Amino acid sequence: MIIDKLIDWKPFRPILESMYINRTDKGGRPENDVVMMFKMLVLQQWHGLF
């Protein structure tokens, strides 16, 4: 992805994971990757898709 060439996402992972609560211990669908979800929010803002 082009966005991966513009932004180094590694520093964001510890911050995002510290804010995210994993609730799959009782079963259910596996949760999405926190960095991928953050990328989606960034792209929404860039393209005015909120």
PDB file of N, CA and C in Angstrom:
ATOM      1  N   MET A   1       0.831  -1.192   0.000  1.00  0.00           N
ATOM      2  CA  MET A   1       0.000   0.000   0.000  1.00  0.00           C
ATOM      3  C   MET A   1       0.872   1.250   0.000  1.00  0.00           C
ATOM      4  N   ILE A   2       0.404   2.273  -0.636  1.00  0.00           N
ATOM      5  CA  ILE A   2       1.146   3.531  -0.695  1.00  0.00           C
ATOM      6  C   ILE A   2       1.245   4.172   0.683  1.00  0.00           C
ATOM      7  N   ILE A   3       0.202   4.052   1.468  1.00  0.00           N
ATOM      8  CA  ILE A   3       0.207   4.661   2.801  1.00  0.00           C
ATOM      9  C   ILE A   3       1.322   4.067   3.670  1.00  0.00           C
ATOM     10  N   ASP A   4       1.651   2.793   3.453  1.00  0.00           N
ATOM     11  CA  ASP A   4       2.732   2.160   4.215  1.00  0.00           C
ATOM     12  C   ASP A   4       4.095   2.744   3.862  1.00  0.00           C
ATOM     13  N   LYS A   5       4.231   3.288   2.661  1.00  0.00           N
ATOM     14  CA  LYS A   5       5.481   3.937   2.269  1.00  0.00           C
ATOM     15  C   LYS A   5       5.599   5.331   2.880  1.00  0.00           C
ATOM     16  N   LEU A   6       4.475   5.941   3.187  1.00  0.00           N
ATOM     17  CA  LEU A   6       4.476   7.296   3.744  1.00  0.00           C
ATOM     18  C   LEU A   6       4.641   7.325   5.256  1.00  0.00           C
ATOM     19  N   ILE A   7       4.096   6.316   5.931  1.00  0.00           N
ATOM     20  CA  ILE A   7       4.051   6.322   7.394  1.00  0.00           C
ATOM     21  C   ILE A   7       4.622   5.021   7.934  1.00  0.00           C
ATOM     22  N   ASP A   8       5.489   5.136   8.943  1.00  0.00           N
ATOM     23  CA  ASP A   8       5.994   3.970   9.664  1.00  0.00           C
ATOM     24  C   ASP A   8       5.007   3.677  10.801  1.00  0.00           C
ATOM     25  N   TRP A   9       4.302   2.571  10.722  1.00  0.00           N
ATOM     26  CA  TRP A   9       3.227   2.262  11.660  1.00  0.00           C
ATOM     27  C   TRP A   9       3.718   1.574  12.927  1.00  0.00           C
ATOM     28  N   LYS A  10       4.955   1.096  12.954  1.00  0.00           N
ATOM     29  CA  LYS A  10       5.465   0.344  14.106  1.00  0.00           C
ATOM     30  C   LYS A  10       5.384   1.112  15.424  1.00  0.00           C
ATOM     31  N   PRO A  11       5.709   2.406  15.462  1.00  0.00           N
ATOM     32  CA  PRO A  11       5.616   3.120  16.745  1.00  0.00           C
ATOM     33  C   PRO A  11       4.185   3.252  17.279  1.00  0.00           C
ATOM     34  N   PHE A  12       3.200   3.129  16.423  1.00  0.00           N
ATOM     35  CA  PHE A  12       1.813   3.264  16.856  1.00  0.00           C
ATOM     36  C   PHE A  12       1.276   2.006  17.541  1.00  0.00           C
ATOM     37  N   ARG A  13       1.820   0.838  17.201  1.00  0.00           N
ATOM     38  CA  ARG A  13       1.272  -0.420  17.714  1.00  0.00           C
ATOM     39  C   ARG A  13       1.234  -0.490  19.243  1.00  0.00           C
ATOM     40  N   PRO A  14       2.313  -0.206  19.966  1.00  0.00           N
ATOM     41  CA  PRO A  14       2.232  -0.308  21.431  1.00  0.00           C
ATOM     42  C   PRO A  14       1.201   0.649  22.036  1.00  0.00           C
ATOM     43  N   ILE A  15       1.087   1.823  21.466  1.00  0.00           N
ATOM     44  CA  ILE A  15       0.124   2.802  21.975  1.00  0.00           C
ATOM     45  C   ILE A  15      -1.297   2.305  21.748  1.00  0.00           C
ATOM     46  N   LEU A  16      -1.571   1.847  20.535  1.00  0.00           N
ATOM     47  CA  LEU A  16      -2.914   1.374  20.205  1.00  0.00           C
ATOM     48  C   LEU A  16      -3.277   0.119  20.990  1.00  0.00           C
ATOM     49  N   GLU A  17      -2.335  -0.803  21.136  1.00  0.00           N
ATOM     50  CA  GLU A  17      -2.622  -2.030  21.879  1.00  0.00           C
ATOM     51  C   GLU A  17      -2.844  -1.755  23.358  1.00  0.00           C
ATOM     52  N   SER A  18      -2.204  -0.731  23.908  1.00  0.00           N
ATOM     53  CA  SER A  18      -2.416  -0.408  25.319  1.00  0.00           C
ATOM     54  C   SER A  18      -3.807   0.180  25.556  1.00  0.00           C
ATOM     55  N   MET A  19      -4.422   0.754  24.523  1.00  0.00           N
ATOM     56  CA  MET A  19      -5.751   1.348  24.658  1.00  0.00           C
ATOM     57  C   MET A  19      -6.862   0.362  24.301  1.00  0.00           C
ATOM     58  N   TYR A  20      -6.530  -0.773  23.729  1.00  0.00           N
ATOM     59  CA  TYR A  20      -7.513  -1.713  23.205  1.00  0.00           C
ATOM     60  C   TYR A  20      -7.737  -2.853  24.183  1.00  0.00           C
ATOM     61  N   ILE A  21      -8.979  -3.183  24.457  1.00  0.00           N
ATOM     62  CA  ILE A  21      -9.310  -4.275  25.368  1.00  0.00           C
ATOM     63  C   ILE A  21      -9.714  -5.489  24.545  1.00  0.00           C
ATOM     64  N   ASN A  22      -9.021  -6.596  24.757  1.00  0.00           N
ATOM     65  CA  ASN A  22      -9.320  -7.836  24.037  1.00  0.00           C
ATOM     66  C   ASN A  22     -10.460  -8.555  24.747  1.00  0.00           C
ATOM     67  N   ARG A  23     -11.573  -8.728  24.048  1.00  0.00           N
ATOM     68  CA  ARG A  23     -12.743  -9.365  24.645  1.00  0.00           C
ATOM     69  C   ARG A  23     -13.068 -10.708  23.996  1.00  0.00           C
ATOM     70  N   THR A  24     -12.092 -11.379  23.427  1.00  0.00           N
ATOM     71  CA  THR A  24     -12.363 -12.662  22.767  1.00  0.00           C
ATOM     72  C   THR A  24     -12.138 -13.846  23.694  1.00  0.00           C
ATOM     73  N   ASP A  25     -11.851 -13.612  24.961  1.00  0.00           N
ATOM     74  CA  ASP A  25     -11.617 -14.724  25.880  1.00  0.00           C
ATOM     75  C   ASP A  25     -12.883 -15.552  26.108  1.00  0.00           C
ATOM     76  N   LYS A  26     -14.061 -14.981  25.871  1.00  0.00           N
ATOM     77  CA  LYS A  26     -15.320 -15.711  26.028  1.00  0.00           C
ATOM     78  C   LYS A  26     -15.795 -16.311  24.710  1.00  0.00           C
ATOM     79  N   GLY A  27     -14.981 -16.226  23.692  1.00  0.00           N
ATOM     80  CA  GLY A  27     -15.342 -16.756  22.388  1.00  0.00           C
ATOM     81  C   GLY A  27     -15.705 -15.640  21.431  1.00  0.00           C
ATOM     82  N   GLY A  28     -16.160 -16.032  20.282  1.00  0.00           N
ATOM     83  CA  GLY A  28     -16.548 -15.046  19.286  1.00  0.00           C
ATOM     84  C   GLY A  28     -15.509 -14.888  18.197  1.00  0.00           C
ATOM     85  N   ARG A  29     -15.789 -13.959  17.343  1.00  0.00           N
ATOM     86  CA  ARG A  29     -14.932 -13.704  16.187  1.00  0.00           C
ATOM     87  C   ARG A  29     -13.605 -13.078  16.625  1.00  0.00           C
ATOM     88  N   PRO A  30     -12.499 -13.481  15.997  1.00  0.00           N
ATOM     89  CA  PRO A  30     -11.220 -12.829  16.302  1.00  0.00           C
ATOM     90  C   PRO A  30     -11.280 -11.339  15.973  1.00  0.00           C
ATOM     91  N   GLU A  31     -10.630 -10.551  16.786  1.00  0.00           N
ATOM     92  CA  GLU A  31     -10.668  -9.106  16.595  1.00  0.00           C
ATOM     93  C   GLU A  31      -9.720  -8.672  15.490  1.00  0.00           C
ATOM     94  N   ASN A  32     -10.001  -7.518  14.928  1.00  0.00           N
ATOM     95  CA  ASN A  32      -9.168  -6.964  13.861  1.00  0.00           C
ATOM     96  C   ASN A  32      -7.876  -6.397  14.435  1.00  0.00           C
ATOM     97  N   ASP A  33      -6.874  -6.313  13.591  1.00  0.00           N
ATOM     98  CA  ASP A  33      -5.590  -5.746  13.978  1.00  0.00           C
ATOM     99  C   ASP A  33      -5.754  -4.255  14.281  1.00  0.00           C
ATOM    100  N   VAL A  34      -5.194  -3.806  15.407  1.00  0.00           N
ATOM    101  CA  VAL A  34      -5.366  -2.414  15.825  1.00  0.00           C
ATOM    102  C   VAL A  34      -4.725  -1.432  14.851  1.00  0.00           C
ATOM    103  N   VAL A  35      -3.601  -1.780  14.255  1.00  0.00           N
ATOM    104  CA  VAL A  35      -2.942  -0.883  13.303  1.00  0.00           C
ATOM    105  C   VAL A  35      -3.777  -0.764  12.028  1.00  0.00           C
ATOM    106  N   MET A  36      -4.368  -1.876  11.584  1.00  0.00           N
ATOM    107  CA  MET A  36      -5.217  -1.813  10.402  1.00  0.00           C
ATOM    108  C   MET A  36      -6.429  -0.913  10.652  1.00  0.00           C
ATOM    109  N   MET A  37      -7.025  -1.013  11.830  1.00  0.00           N
ATOM    110  CA  MET A  37      -8.171  -0.164  12.162  1.00  0.00           C
ATOM    111  C   MET A  37      -7.757   1.312  12.199  1.00  0.00           C
ATOM    112  N   PHE A  38      -6.570   1.589  12.718  1.00  0.00           N
ATOM    113  CA  PHE A  38      -6.072   2.961  12.765  1.00  0.00           C
ATOM    114  C   PHE A  38      -5.818   3.496  11.357  1.00  0.00           C
ATOM    115  N   LYS A  39      -5.267   2.646  10.486  1.00  0.00           N
ATOM    116  CA  LYS A  39      -5.054   3.043   9.087  1.00  0.00           C
ATOM    117  C   LYS A  39      -6.378   3.418   8.432  1.00  0.00           C
ATOM    118  N   MET A  40      -7.418   2.657   8.721  1.00  0.00           N
ATOM    119  CA  MET A  40      -8.729   2.959   8.153  1.00  0.00           C
ATOM    120  C   MET A  40      -9.229   4.323   8.622  1.00  0.00           C
ATOM    121  N   LEU A  41      -9.015   4.643   9.893  1.00  0.00           N
ATOM    122  CA  LEU A  41      -9.423   5.957  10.401  1.00  0.00           C
ATOM    123  C   LEU A  41      -8.644   7.088   9.729  1.00  0.00           C
ATOM    124  N   VAL A  42      -7.348   6.878   9.542  1.00  0.00           N
ATOM    125  CA  VAL A  42      -6.516   7.897   8.883  1.00  0.00           C
ATOM    126  C   VAL A  42      -6.991   8.119   7.452  1.00  0.00           C
ATOM    127  N   LEU A  43      -7.231   7.033   6.722  1.00  0.00           N
ATOM    128  CA  LEU A  43      -7.701   7.154   5.339  1.00  0.00           C
ATOM    129  C   LEU A  43      -9.077   7.816   5.262  1.00  0.00           C
ATOM    130  N   GLN A  44      -9.949   7.525   6.221  1.00  0.00           N
ATOM    131  CA  GLN A  44     -11.257   8.182   6.253  1.00  0.00           C
ATOM    132  C   GLN A  44     -11.106   9.689   6.380  1.00  0.00           C
ATOM    133  N   GLN A  45     -10.209  10.110   7.252  1.00  0.00           N
ATOM    134  CA  GLN A  45      -9.992  11.543   7.440  1.00  0.00           C
ATOM    135  C   GLN A  45      -9.386  12.180   6.201  1.00  0.00           C
ATOM    136  N   TRP A  46      -8.418  11.515   5.599  1.00  0.00           N
ATOM    137  CA  TRP A  46      -7.760  12.059   4.403  1.00  0.00           C
ATOM    138  C   TRP A  46      -8.729  12.255   3.246  1.00  0.00           C
ATOM    139  N   HIS A  47      -9.678  11.329   3.132  1.00  0.00           N
ATOM    140  CA  HIS A  47     -10.584  11.355   1.982  1.00  0.00           C
ATOM    141  C   HIS A  47     -11.980  11.871   2.324  1.00  0.00           C
ATOM    142  N   GLY A  48     -12.161  12.345   3.553  1.00  0.00           N
ATOM    143  CA  GLY A  48     -13.451  12.899   3.953  1.00  0.00           C
ATOM    144  C   GLY A  48     -14.577  11.877   3.950  1.00  0.00           C
ATOM    145  N   LEU A  49     -14.302  10.674   4.400  1.00  0.00           N
ATOM    146  CA  LEU A  49     -15.290   9.594   4.373  1.00  0.00           C
ATOM    147  C   LEU A  49     -15.914   9.324   5.736  1.00  0.00           C
ATOM    148  N   PHE A  50     -15.953  10.288   6.569  1.00  0.00           N
ATOM    149  CA  PHE A  50     -16.538  10.079   7.894  1.00  0.00           C
ATOM    150  C   PHE A  50     -17.985  10.218   7.772  1.00  0.00           C
TER     151      PHE A  50
END
